[in-house]
Amino acid sequence: MSISSGRLPQVPGVREITLNDIQLGEKIAQGGFSVIHKGLLNGTPVAIKKIFDPRLTDELLQEIQNEIVMQSILRHPNIAILMGVIPKIPDIYIVFEHVSKGSLFDLLHMKKKEEIAMKTRLKIALDTAVVFEYMHALGIVHRDIKSHNVLIDDNMTVKVCDFGLATFNVSFLFFDKDIG
């Protein structure tokens, strides 16, 4: 994959969309090479990740492609749903379900301090742990676990996101755990 190809490779099972399908709304977050907007995909509320890095490298394209591939593989109620992709380089968009309360980081540090009940705290911790247990059972390591990548919806349900650094743990897949 290279910048000169003009687009990311197609990923089986991932819906390719166009700019006509989405409406960008307010900015809700920003990462190292992307900005996240609230938006609509054919009328459905979504989060839209727009890649903005003017120094788009083959390595960054690989990370973006990796995120799309991992999202196409992972199916779990506590993983943010990938809704579609605009794979045109340099104007790449990745569209996810919108998770209403934002990140766990925002909930803990940025929003007005509302007390989170111990039962809810434990649910968030357990939901998050269950996602990583699921991924590890598939031999996938997230490699970017942080409160910014744990989203919370109106029901205080966890949705893990950002799989750009995720990788298959080759030793886990090929070696018997019982071998000393």
C-alpha atoms as a PDB file:
ATOM      1  CA  MET A   1       0.000   0.000   0.000  1.00  0.00           C
ATOM      2  CA  SER A   2       1.339   3.428  -0.886  1.00  0.00           C
ATOM      3  CA  ILE A   3       0.216   6.996  -1.146  1.00  0.00           C
ATOM      4  CA  SER A   4       0.509   6.846  -4.934  1.00  0.00           C
ATOM      5  CA  SER A   5      -2.276   4.218  -5.130  1.00  0.00           C
ATOM      6  CA  GLY A   6      -4.843   6.944  -4.388  1.00  0.00           C
ATOM      7  CA  ARG A   7      -6.926   4.801  -2.050  1.00  0.00           C
ATOM      8  CA  LEU A   8      -6.726   2.287   0.758  1.00  0.00           C
ATOM      9  CA  PRO A   9      -7.241  -1.372  -0.207  1.00  0.00           C
ATOM     10  CA  GLN A  10     -10.811  -2.597   0.054  1.00  0.00           C
ATOM     11  CA  VAL A  11     -11.558  -4.669   3.176  1.00  0.00           C
ATOM     12  CA  PRO A  12     -14.151  -7.455   2.793  1.00  0.00           C
ATOM     13  CA  GLY A  13     -17.278  -6.729   4.814  1.00  0.00           C
ATOM     14  CA  VAL A  14     -16.522  -3.014   5.224  1.00  0.00           C
ATOM     15  CA  ARG A  15     -18.972  -0.636   3.576  1.00  0.00           C
ATOM     16  CA  GLU A  16     -17.331   1.956   1.346  1.00  0.00           C
ATOM     17  CA  ILE A  17     -19.185   5.247   1.384  1.00  0.00           C
ATOM     18  CA  THR A  18     -18.804   8.679  -0.239  1.00  0.00           C
ATOM     19  CA  LEU A  19     -18.810  12.246   1.045  1.00  0.00           C
ATOM     20  CA  ASN A  20     -22.414  12.469  -0.196  1.00  0.00           C
ATOM     21  CA  ASP A  21     -23.380   9.872   2.429  1.00  0.00           C
ATOM     22  CA  ILE A  22     -22.100  11.851   5.440  1.00  0.00           C
ATOM     23  CA  GLN A  23     -22.680  15.203   7.116  1.00  0.00           C
ATOM     24  CA  LEU A  24     -19.941  16.543   9.389  1.00  0.00           C
ATOM     25  CA  GLY A  25     -21.067  18.153  12.617  1.00  0.00           C
ATOM     26  CA  GLU A  26     -19.198  19.597  15.567  1.00  0.00           C
ATOM     27  CA  LYS A  27     -15.680  18.503  16.452  1.00  0.00           C
ATOM     28  CA  ILE A  28     -15.723  16.238  19.515  1.00  0.00           C
ATOM     29  CA  ALA A  29     -12.107  15.029  19.757  1.00  0.00           C
ATOM     30  CA  GLN A  30      -8.698  15.190  18.147  1.00  0.00           C
ATOM     31  CA  GLY A  31      -5.865  12.693  17.941  1.00  0.00           C
ATOM     32  CA  GLY A  32      -2.331  12.817  16.609  1.00  0.00           C
ATOM     33  CA  PHE A  33      -3.341  12.599  12.951  1.00  0.00           C
ATOM     34  CA  SER A  34      -7.132  12.812  12.975  1.00  0.00           C
ATOM     35  CA  VAL A  35     -10.081  14.825  14.155  1.00  0.00           C
ATOM     36  CA  ILE A  36     -13.368  13.271  15.269  1.00  0.00           C
ATOM     37  CA  HIS A  37     -16.690  14.927  14.459  1.00  0.00           C
ATOM     38  CA  LYS A  38     -20.256  14.142  15.381  1.00  0.00           C
ATOM     39  CA  GLY A  39     -22.109  13.610  12.167  1.00  0.00           C
ATOM     40  CA  LEU A  40     -24.695  11.725  10.200  1.00  0.00           C
ATOM     41  CA  LEU A  41     -24.368   8.751   7.866  1.00  0.00           C
ATOM     42  CA  ASN A  42     -27.491   8.672   5.716  1.00  0.00           C
ATOM     43  CA  GLY A  43     -29.395  10.212   8.644  1.00  0.00           C
ATOM     44  CA  THR A  44     -27.936   7.975  11.371  1.00  0.00           C
ATOM     45  CA  PRO A  45     -25.934   9.678  14.172  1.00  0.00           C
ATOM     46  CA  VAL A  46     -22.267   8.667  13.915  1.00  0.00           C
ATOM     47  CA  ALA A  47     -18.743   9.673  14.863  1.00  0.00           C
ATOM     48  CA  ILE A  48     -16.598  10.554  11.857  1.00  0.00           C
ATOM     49  CA  LYS A  49     -12.820  10.253  12.064  1.00  0.00           C
ATOM     50  CA  LYS A  50     -11.176  12.456   9.434  1.00  0.00           C
ATOM     51  CA  ILE A  51      -7.506  11.903   8.787  1.00  0.00           C
ATOM     52  CA  PHE A  52      -5.832  15.298   8.479  1.00  0.00           C
ATOM     53  CA  ASP A  53      -2.100  14.700   8.694  1.00  0.00           C
ATOM     54  CA  PRO A  54      -0.496  16.623   5.818  1.00  0.00           C
ATOM     55  CA  ARG A  55       2.563  14.339   6.073  1.00  0.00           C
ATOM     56  CA  LEU A  56       0.662  11.182   5.178  1.00  0.00           C
ATOM     57  CA  THR A  57       3.287   8.423   5.108  1.00  0.00           C
ATOM     58  CA  ASP A  58       3.072   4.785   4.053  1.00  0.00           C
ATOM     59  CA  GLU A  59       3.519   3.877   7.743  1.00  0.00           C
ATOM     60  CA  LEU A  60       0.535   6.021   8.773  1.00  0.00           C
ATOM     61  CA  LEU A  61      -1.546   4.561   5.936  1.00  0.00           C
ATOM     62  CA  GLN A  62      -0.681   1.083   7.242  1.00  0.00           C
ATOM     63  CA  GLU A  63      -1.869   2.062  10.728  1.00  0.00           C
ATOM     64  CA  ILE A  64      -5.148   3.412   9.291  1.00  0.00           C
ATOM     65  CA  GLN A  65      -5.619   0.264   7.198  1.00  0.00           C
ATOM     66  CA  ASN A  66      -4.853  -1.852  10.261  1.00  0.00           C
ATOM     67  CA  GLU A  67      -7.580  -0.082  12.232  1.00  0.00           C
ATOM     68  CA  ILE A  68     -10.115  -0.797   9.489  1.00  0.00           C
ATOM     69  CA  VAL A  69      -9.073  -4.464   9.209  1.00  0.00           C
ATOM     70  CA  MET A  70      -9.177  -4.992  12.988  1.00  0.00           C
ATOM     71  CA  GLN A  71     -12.594  -3.344  13.208  1.00  0.00           C
ATOM     72  CA  SER A  72     -13.824  -5.657  10.443  1.00  0.00           C
ATOM     73  CA  ILE A  73     -12.626  -8.722  12.384  1.00  0.00           C
ATOM     74  CA  LEU A  74     -13.761  -7.788  15.891  1.00  0.00           C
ATOM     75  CA  ARG A  75     -17.440  -8.261  16.722  1.00  0.00           C
ATOM     76  CA  HIS A  76     -18.326  -7.611  20.351  1.00  0.00           C
ATOM     77  CA  PRO A  77     -21.080  -5.570  22.053  1.00  0.00           C
ATOM     78  CA  ASN A  78     -18.415  -3.499  23.828  1.00  0.00           C
ATOM     79  CA  ILE A  79     -16.470  -2.523  20.694  1.00  0.00           C
ATOM     80  CA  ALA A  80     -17.514   0.590  18.748  1.00  0.00           C
ATOM     81  CA  ILE A  81     -19.154  -0.465  15.483  1.00  0.00           C
ATOM     82  CA  LEU A  82     -17.430   0.449  12.219  1.00  0.00           C
ATOM     83  CA  MET A  83     -20.168   1.877   9.955  1.00  0.00           C
ATOM     84  CA  GLY A  84     -18.201   2.704   6.820  1.00  0.00           C
ATOM     85  CA  VAL A  85     -15.046   4.082   5.236  1.00  0.00           C
ATOM     86  CA  ILE A  86     -14.140   6.650   2.620  1.00  0.00           C
ATOM     87  CA  PRO A  87     -10.776   5.191   1.507  1.00  0.00           C
ATOM     88  CA  LYS A  88      -9.664   7.996  -0.848  1.00  0.00           C
ATOM     89  CA  ILE A  89      -6.123   9.223  -0.118  1.00  0.00           C
ATOM     90  CA  PRO A  90      -5.520  11.857   1.253  1.00  0.00           C
ATOM     91  CA  ASP A  91      -9.161  12.464   2.334  1.00  0.00           C
ATOM     92  CA  ILE A  92      -9.722   9.337   4.421  1.00  0.00           C
ATOM     93  CA  TYR A  93     -12.771   9.105   6.683  1.00  0.00           C
ATOM     94  CA  ILE A  94     -13.624   6.274   9.087  1.00  0.00           C
ATOM     95  CA  VAL A  95     -17.208   6.281  10.365  1.00  0.00           C
ATOM     96  CA  PHE A  96     -18.221   4.660  13.666  1.00  0.00           C
ATOM     97  CA  GLU A  97     -21.334   4.463  15.761  1.00  0.00           C
ATOM     98  CA  HIS A  98     -21.689   7.588  17.892  1.00  0.00           C
ATOM     99  CA  VAL A  99     -21.129   6.871  21.591  1.00  0.00           C
ATOM    100  CA  SER A 100     -22.991   9.610  23.458  1.00  0.00           C
ATOM    101  CA  LYS A 101     -21.036  10.324  26.644  1.00  0.00           C
ATOM    102  CA  GLY A 102     -17.626  10.371  24.968  1.00  0.00           C
ATOM    103  CA  SER A 103     -14.474   8.910  26.442  1.00  0.00           C
ATOM    104  CA  LEU A 104     -13.900   7.610  29.938  1.00  0.00           C
ATOM    105  CA  PHE A 105     -11.129  10.219  30.161  1.00  0.00           C
ATOM    106  CA  ASP A 106     -13.653  13.014  29.494  1.00  0.00           C
ATOM    107  CA  LEU A 107     -16.102  11.531  31.978  1.00  0.00           C
ATOM    108  CA  LEU A 108     -13.436  11.389  34.683  1.00  0.00           C
ATOM    109  CA  HIS A 109     -11.494  14.591  33.992  1.00  0.00           C
ATOM    110  CA  MET A 110     -13.197  17.038  31.638  1.00  0.00           C
ATOM    111  CA  LYS A 111     -16.906  17.072  32.364  1.00  0.00           C
ATOM    112  CA  LYS A 112     -18.437  18.528  35.479  1.00  0.00           C
ATOM    113  CA  LYS A 113     -17.710  16.259  38.365  1.00  0.00           C
ATOM    114  CA  GLU A 114     -20.656  13.985  38.839  1.00  0.00           C
ATOM    115  CA  GLU A 115     -20.134  11.144  41.255  1.00  0.00           C
ATOM    116  CA  ILE A 116     -19.940   7.779  39.519  1.00  0.00           C
ATOM    117  CA  ALA A 117     -21.450   5.102  41.728  1.00  0.00           C
ATOM    118  CA  MET A 118     -19.164   2.219  42.724  1.00  0.00           C
ATOM    119  CA  LYS A 119     -21.482  -0.262  40.982  1.00  0.00           C
ATOM    120  CA  THR A 120     -21.114   1.733  37.726  1.00  0.00           C
ATOM    121  CA  ARG A 121     -17.335   1.983  38.132  1.00  0.00           C
ATOM    122  CA  LEU A 122     -17.126  -1.784  38.510  1.00  0.00           C
ATOM    123  CA  LYS A 123     -19.374  -2.296  35.455  1.00  0.00           C
ATOM    124  CA  ILE A 124     -17.097  -0.040  33.356  1.00  0.00           C
ATOM    125  CA  ALA A 125     -14.006  -1.919  34.547  1.00  0.00           C
ATOM    126  CA  LEU A 126     -15.597  -5.332  33.923  1.00  0.00           C
ATOM    127  CA  ASP A 127     -16.957  -4.358  30.469  1.00  0.00           C
ATOM    128  CA  THR A 128     -13.499  -3.114  29.498  1.00  0.00           C
ATOM    129  CA  ALA A 129     -11.752  -6.227  30.804  1.00  0.00           C
ATOM    130  CA  VAL A 130     -14.209  -8.483  28.931  1.00  0.00           C
ATOM    131  CA  VAL A 131     -13.336  -6.767  25.622  1.00  0.00           C
ATOM    132  CA  PHE A 132      -9.623  -7.354  26.116  1.00  0.00           C
ATOM    133  CA  GLU A 133     -10.240 -10.952  27.193  1.00  0.00           C
ATOM    134  CA  TYR A 134     -12.216 -11.448  23.959  1.00  0.00           C
ATOM    135  CA  MET A 135      -9.445  -9.885  21.872  1.00  0.00           C
ATOM    136  CA  HIS A 136      -6.701 -11.875  23.570  1.00  0.00           C
ATOM    137  CA  ALA A 137      -8.657 -15.105  23.000  1.00  0.00           C
ATOM    138  CA  LEU A 138      -8.443 -14.242  19.274  1.00  0.00           C
ATOM    139  CA  GLY A 139      -4.724 -13.557  19.601  1.00  0.00           C
ATOM    140  CA  ILE A 140      -5.160  -9.783  19.135  1.00  0.00           C
ATOM    141  CA  VAL A 141      -3.369  -7.232  21.319  1.00  0.00           C
ATOM    142  CA  HIS A 142      -4.783  -3.665  21.381  1.00  0.00           C
ATOM    143  CA  ARG A 143      -1.486  -1.919  22.298  1.00  0.00           C
ATOM    144  CA  ASP A 144      -3.101   1.477  23.009  1.00  0.00           C
ATOM    145  CA  ILE A 145      -5.169   0.906  26.139  1.00  0.00           C
ATOM    146  CA  LYS A 146      -6.029   4.221  27.757  1.00  0.00           C
ATOM    147  CA  SER A 147      -9.111   6.028  29.028  1.00  0.00           C
ATOM    148  CA  HIS A 148      -9.340   8.055  25.777  1.00  0.00           C
ATOM    149  CA  ASN A 149     -10.041   4.776  23.900  1.00  0.00           C
ATOM    150  CA  VAL A 150     -12.801   3.610  26.235  1.00  0.00           C
ATOM    151  CA  LEU A 151     -16.068   5.267  25.217  1.00  0.00           C
ATOM    152  CA  ILE A 152     -19.202   5.382  27.369  1.00  0.00           C
ATOM    153  CA  ASP A 153     -22.803   5.541  26.148  1.00  0.00           C
ATOM    154  CA  ASP A 154     -25.933   6.876  27.878  1.00  0.00           C
ATOM    155  CA  ASN A 155     -26.399   3.533  29.668  1.00  0.00           C
ATOM    156  CA  MET A 156     -22.807   3.680  30.947  1.00  0.00           C
ATOM    157  CA  THR A 157     -21.925   0.815  28.600  1.00  0.00           C
ATOM    158  CA  VAL A 158     -18.318   0.610  27.409  1.00  0.00           C
ATOM    159  CA  LYS A 159     -17.381   0.770  23.729  1.00  0.00           C
ATOM    160  CA  VAL A 160     -13.643   0.306  23.089  1.00  0.00           C
ATOM    161  CA  CYS A 161     -12.206   2.100  20.042  1.00  0.00           C
ATOM    162  CA  ASP A 162      -8.962   2.955  18.214  1.00  0.00           C
ATOM    163  CA  PHE A 163      -7.436  -0.253  16.887  1.00  0.00           C
ATOM    164  CA  GLY A 164      -4.718   1.334  14.726  1.00  0.00           C
ATOM    165  CA  LEU A 165      -1.895  -0.150  16.820  1.00  0.00           C
ATOM    166  CA  ALA A 166      -3.589  -3.501  17.416  1.00  0.00           C
ATOM    167  CA  THR A 167      -1.692  -6.549  16.248  1.00  0.00           C
ATOM    168  CA  PHE A 168      -1.861 -10.304  16.224  1.00  0.00           C
ATOM    169  CA  ASN A 169       0.264 -11.842  18.957  1.00  0.00           C
ATOM    170  CA  VAL A 170       2.071 -14.391  16.807  1.00  0.00           C
ATOM    171  CA  SER A 171       3.620 -16.297  19.708  1.00  0.00           C
ATOM    172  CA  PHE A 172       0.165 -16.667  21.276  1.00  0.00           C
ATOM    173  CA  LEU A 173      -1.283 -18.081  18.054  1.00  0.00           C
ATOM    174  CA  PHE A 174       1.491 -20.580  17.271  1.00  0.00           C
ATOM    175  CA  PHE A 175       2.776 -21.824  20.588  1.00  0.00           C
ATOM    176  CA  ASP A 176       0.982 -24.027  23.091  1.00  0.00           C
ATOM    177  CA  LYS A 177       0.501 -22.165  26.363  1.00  0.00           C
ATOM    178  CA  ASP A 178       1.215 -25.387  28.300  1.00  0.00           C
ATOM    179  CA  ILE A 179       4.725 -25.719  26.904  1.00  0.00           C
ATOM    180  CA  GLY A 180       7.258 -24.477  29.458  1.00  0.00           C
END
